[in-house]
Amino acid sequence: MWFRILSILIGTALVGKSVIALVAPKRFYGARQRQYSSPAMPRKLLAGPMIVAAMTAASFYATIYHYVAWGWIVTTFLTGLLIMAIDHLFRWARHREAMLRVVGSPKVRRVDWCLLALGAGFLNLGVFVY
């Protein structure tokens, strides 16, 4: 049950983000450009790493106490995501410059399509495997 919930949460977040970005790219990426153009990290960007940390802790708990054969996929994904989030917090200046280039590029739509496919994969994993 733990991995089902976590997988559905991951899938829903990825699908939701990518659908919003694909449907309203100017509004979505306009907001991202405003966030990344600030030299100081906006406080609301701290919520994401905290949520990912809580989900990662839940996945490790589930891995240890409620083992499921394919649970390593969720735990590995969340662990990698948490490491990236912590890296982005401590290296904000470098991260924001890179992300300003990414969100200003027309190729960013490819990333949204990849996130949509990844989110659909996690939703399928949560519904059919766990």
C-alpha atoms as a PDB file:
ATOM      1  CA  MET A   1       0.000   0.000   0.000  1.00  0.00           C
ATOM      2  CA  TRP A   2       2.838   2.418   0.819  1.00  0.00           C
ATOM      3  CA  PHE A   3       4.428   2.122  -2.582  1.00  0.00           C
ATOM      4  CA  ARG A   4       1.078   2.368  -4.315  1.00  0.00           C
ATOM      5  CA  ILE A   5       0.366   5.693  -2.592  1.00  0.00           C
ATOM      6  CA  LEU A   6       3.856   7.064  -3.212  1.00  0.00           C
ATOM      7  CA  SER A   7       3.842   5.974  -6.838  1.00  0.00           C
ATOM      8  CA  ILE A   8       0.438   7.545  -7.464  1.00  0.00           C
ATOM      9  CA  LEU A   9       1.570  10.773  -5.765  1.00  0.00           C
ATOM     10  CA  ILE A  10       4.705  10.925  -7.924  1.00  0.00           C
ATOM     11  CA  GLY A  11       2.749  10.134 -11.081  1.00  0.00           C
ATOM     12  CA  THR A  12       0.040  12.678 -10.334  1.00  0.00           C
ATOM     13  CA  ALA A  13       2.613  15.408  -9.619  1.00  0.00           C
ATOM     14  CA  LEU A  14       4.560  14.706 -12.803  1.00  0.00           C
ATOM     15  CA  VAL A  15       1.488  14.449 -15.019  1.00  0.00           C
ATOM     16  CA  GLY A  16      -0.040  17.578 -13.452  1.00  0.00           C
ATOM     17  CA  LYS A  17       3.124  19.646 -13.905  1.00  0.00           C
ATOM     18  CA  SER A  18       3.638  18.550 -17.469  1.00  0.00           C
ATOM     19  CA  VAL A  19       0.002  19.040 -18.499  1.00  0.00           C
ATOM     20  CA  ILE A  20      -0.035  22.553 -17.060  1.00  0.00           C
ATOM     21  CA  ALA A  21       3.257  23.359 -18.790  1.00  0.00           C
ATOM     22  CA  LEU A  22       2.033  21.940 -22.114  1.00  0.00           C
ATOM     23  CA  VAL A  23      -1.388  23.647 -21.975  1.00  0.00           C
ATOM     24  CA  ALA A  24      -0.245  27.078 -20.746  1.00  0.00           C
ATOM     25  CA  PRO A  25       3.498  27.323 -21.447  1.00  0.00           C
ATOM     26  CA  LYS A  26       3.759  31.125 -21.471  1.00  0.00           C
ATOM     27  CA  ARG A  27       2.130  31.483 -18.078  1.00  0.00           C
ATOM     28  CA  PHE A  28       3.913  28.481 -16.537  1.00  0.00           C
ATOM     29  CA  TYR A  29       7.394  29.312 -17.815  1.00  0.00           C
ATOM     30  CA  GLY A  30       6.874  33.031 -17.274  1.00  0.00           C
ATOM     31  CA  ALA A  31       6.463  32.313 -13.572  1.00  0.00           C
ATOM     32  CA  ARG A  32       9.544  30.055 -13.637  1.00  0.00           C
ATOM     33  CA  GLN A  33      11.589  32.785 -15.337  1.00  0.00           C
ATOM     34  CA  ARG A  34      10.586  35.292 -12.664  1.00  0.00           C
ATOM     35  CA  GLN A  35      11.620  32.846  -9.931  1.00  0.00           C
ATOM     36  CA  TYR A  36      14.957  32.020 -11.520  1.00  0.00           C
ATOM     37  CA  SER A  37      15.807  35.622 -12.372  1.00  0.00           C
ATOM     38  CA  SER A  38      15.998  36.470  -8.669  1.00  0.00           C
ATOM     39  CA  PRO A  39      19.527  36.176  -7.209  1.00  0.00           C
ATOM     40  CA  ALA A  40      18.012  35.149  -3.855  1.00  0.00           C
ATOM     41  CA  MET A  41      16.050  31.918  -3.711  1.00  0.00           C
ATOM     42  CA  PRO A  42      12.309  32.541  -3.272  1.00  0.00           C
ATOM     43  CA  ARG A  43      11.077  30.997  -0.017  1.00  0.00           C
ATOM     44  CA  LYS A  44       8.274  29.091  -1.697  1.00  0.00           C
ATOM     45  CA  LEU A  45      10.862  27.013  -3.544  1.00  0.00           C
ATOM     46  CA  LEU A  46      11.825  25.471  -0.198  1.00  0.00           C
ATOM     47  CA  ALA A  47       8.517  23.591  -0.034  1.00  0.00           C
ATOM     48  CA  GLY A  48       9.465  21.163  -2.811  1.00  0.00           C
ATOM     49  CA  PRO A  49      12.601  19.753  -1.158  1.00  0.00           C
ATOM     50  CA  MET A  50      10.749  19.395   2.148  1.00  0.00           C
ATOM     51  CA  ILE A  51       7.937  17.429   0.475  1.00  0.00           C
ATOM     52  CA  VAL A  52      10.439  15.254  -1.390  1.00  0.00           C
ATOM     53  CA  ALA A  53      12.344  14.618   1.858  1.00  0.00           C
ATOM     54  CA  ALA A  54       9.153  13.475   3.589  1.00  0.00           C
ATOM     55  CA  MET A  55       8.233  11.209   0.679  1.00  0.00           C
ATOM     56  CA  THR A  56      11.771   9.779   0.592  1.00  0.00           C
ATOM     57  CA  ALA A  57      11.619   9.032   4.313  1.00  0.00           C
ATOM     58  CA  ALA A  58       8.274   7.297   3.788  1.00  0.00           C
ATOM     59  CA  SER A  59       9.730   5.236   0.939  1.00  0.00           C
ATOM     60  CA  PHE A  60      12.668   4.103   3.076  1.00  0.00           C
ATOM     61  CA  TYR A  61      10.273   3.187   5.873  1.00  0.00           C
ATOM     62  CA  ALA A  62       8.200   1.196   3.382  1.00  0.00           C
ATOM     63  CA  THR A  63      11.321  -0.443   1.946  1.00  0.00           C
ATOM     64  CA  ILE A  64      12.440  -1.608   5.384  1.00  0.00           C
ATOM     65  CA  TYR A  65       9.112  -2.557   6.994  1.00  0.00           C
ATOM     66  CA  HIS A  66       6.691  -3.183   4.097  1.00  0.00           C
ATOM     67  CA  TYR A  67       8.868  -4.613   1.353  1.00  0.00           C
ATOM     68  CA  VAL A  68       7.360  -4.976  -2.128  1.00  0.00           C
ATOM     69  CA  ALA A  69       9.207  -6.579  -5.039  1.00  0.00           C
ATOM     70  CA  TRP A  70       9.314  -3.449  -7.236  1.00  0.00           C
ATOM     71  CA  GLY A  71       9.475  -0.892  -4.438  1.00  0.00           C
ATOM     72  CA  TRP A  72      13.100  -0.097  -5.198  1.00  0.00           C
ATOM     73  CA  ILE A  73      11.951   1.921  -8.232  1.00  0.00           C
ATOM     74  CA  VAL A  74      10.088   4.438  -6.061  1.00  0.00           C
ATOM     75  CA  THR A  75      12.802   4.567  -3.389  1.00  0.00           C
ATOM     76  CA  THR A  76      15.571   5.068  -5.945  1.00  0.00           C
ATOM     77  CA  PHE A  77      13.649   7.744  -7.838  1.00  0.00           C
ATOM     78  CA  LEU A  78      12.811   9.690  -4.677  1.00  0.00           C
ATOM     79  CA  THR A  79      16.369   9.384  -3.339  1.00  0.00           C
ATOM     80  CA  GLY A  80      17.776  10.774  -6.585  1.00  0.00           C
ATOM     81  CA  LEU A  81      15.200  13.554  -6.593  1.00  0.00           C
ATOM     82  CA  LEU A  82      16.086  14.464  -3.000  1.00  0.00           C
ATOM     83  CA  ILE A  83      19.804  14.587  -3.806  1.00  0.00           C
ATOM     84  CA  MET A  84      19.091  16.887  -6.754  1.00  0.00           C
ATOM     85  CA  ALA A  85      16.837  19.109  -4.616  1.00  0.00           C
ATOM     86  CA  ILE A  86      19.497  19.468  -1.920  1.00  0.00           C
ATOM     87  CA  ASP A  87      22.141  20.201  -4.567  1.00  0.00           C
ATOM     88  CA  HIS A  88      19.926  22.914  -6.054  1.00  0.00           C
ATOM     89  CA  LEU A  89      19.425  24.482  -2.622  1.00  0.00           C
ATOM     90  CA  PHE A  90      23.132  24.714  -1.887  1.00  0.00           C
ATOM     91  CA  ARG A  91      24.146  25.727  -5.411  1.00  0.00           C
ATOM     92  CA  TRP A  92      21.322  28.126  -6.150  1.00  0.00           C
ATOM     93  CA  ALA A  93      23.435  30.575  -8.187  1.00  0.00           C
ATOM     94  CA  ARG A  94      24.625  27.902 -10.633  1.00  0.00           C
ATOM     95  CA  HIS A  95      21.250  26.159 -10.728  1.00  0.00           C
ATOM     96  CA  ARG A  96      19.292  29.321 -11.435  1.00  0.00           C
ATOM     97  CA  GLU A  97      21.557  30.277 -14.344  1.00  0.00           C
ATOM     98  CA  ALA A  98      21.165  26.832 -15.892  1.00  0.00           C
ATOM     99  CA  MET A  99      17.400  26.838 -15.391  1.00  0.00           C
ATOM    100  CA  LEU A 100      17.053  30.320 -16.902  1.00  0.00           C
ATOM    101  CA  ARG A 101      18.605  28.928 -20.077  1.00  0.00           C
ATOM    102  CA  VAL A 102      16.340  25.860 -19.984  1.00  0.00           C
ATOM    103  CA  VAL A 103      13.030  27.657 -19.412  1.00  0.00           C
ATOM    104  CA  GLY A 104      13.874  30.190 -22.104  1.00  0.00           C
ATOM    105  CA  SER A 105      14.548  27.495 -24.681  1.00  0.00           C
ATOM    106  CA  PRO A 106      11.887  26.232 -27.099  1.00  0.00           C
ATOM    107  CA  LYS A 107      13.217  22.691 -26.477  1.00  0.00           C
ATOM    108  CA  VAL A 108      11.758  22.772 -22.962  1.00  0.00           C
ATOM    109  CA  ARG A 109       8.601  21.164 -24.384  1.00  0.00           C
ATOM    110  CA  ARG A 110      10.592  17.953 -24.844  1.00  0.00           C
ATOM    111  CA  VAL A 111      11.223  17.881 -21.119  1.00  0.00           C
ATOM    112  CA  ASP A 112       7.486  18.273 -20.486  1.00  0.00           C
ATOM    113  CA  TRP A 113       6.671  15.343 -22.775  1.00  0.00           C
ATOM    114  CA  CYS A 114       9.293  13.197 -21.014  1.00  0.00           C
ATOM    115  CA  LEU A 115       7.865  14.124 -17.616  1.00  0.00           C
ATOM    116  CA  LEU A 116       4.380  13.269 -18.875  1.00  0.00           C
ATOM    117  CA  ALA A 117       5.585   9.814 -19.951  1.00  0.00           C
ATOM    118  CA  LEU A 118       7.446   9.294 -16.664  1.00  0.00           C
ATOM    119  CA  GLY A 119       4.373  10.338 -14.691  1.00  0.00           C
ATOM    120  CA  ALA A 120       2.181   7.957 -16.688  1.00  0.00           C
ATOM    121  CA  GLY A 121       4.694   5.216 -15.921  1.00  0.00           C
ATOM    122  CA  PHE A 122       4.494   5.877 -12.182  1.00  0.00           C
ATOM    123  CA  LEU A 123       0.692   5.975 -12.328  1.00  0.00           C
ATOM    124  CA  ASN A 124       0.660   2.625 -14.116  1.00  0.00           C
ATOM    125  CA  LEU A 125       3.132   1.249 -11.586  1.00  0.00           C
ATOM    126  CA  GLY A 126       0.915   2.391  -8.720  1.00  0.00           C
ATOM    127  CA  VAL A 127      -2.295   1.048 -10.230  1.00  0.00           C
ATOM    128  CA  PHE A 128      -1.177  -2.213 -11.838  1.00  0.00           C
ATOM    129  CA  VAL A 129       2.005  -3.369 -10.049  1.00  0.00           C
ATOM    130  CA  TYR A 130       1.594  -2.420  -6.423  1.00  0.00           C
END
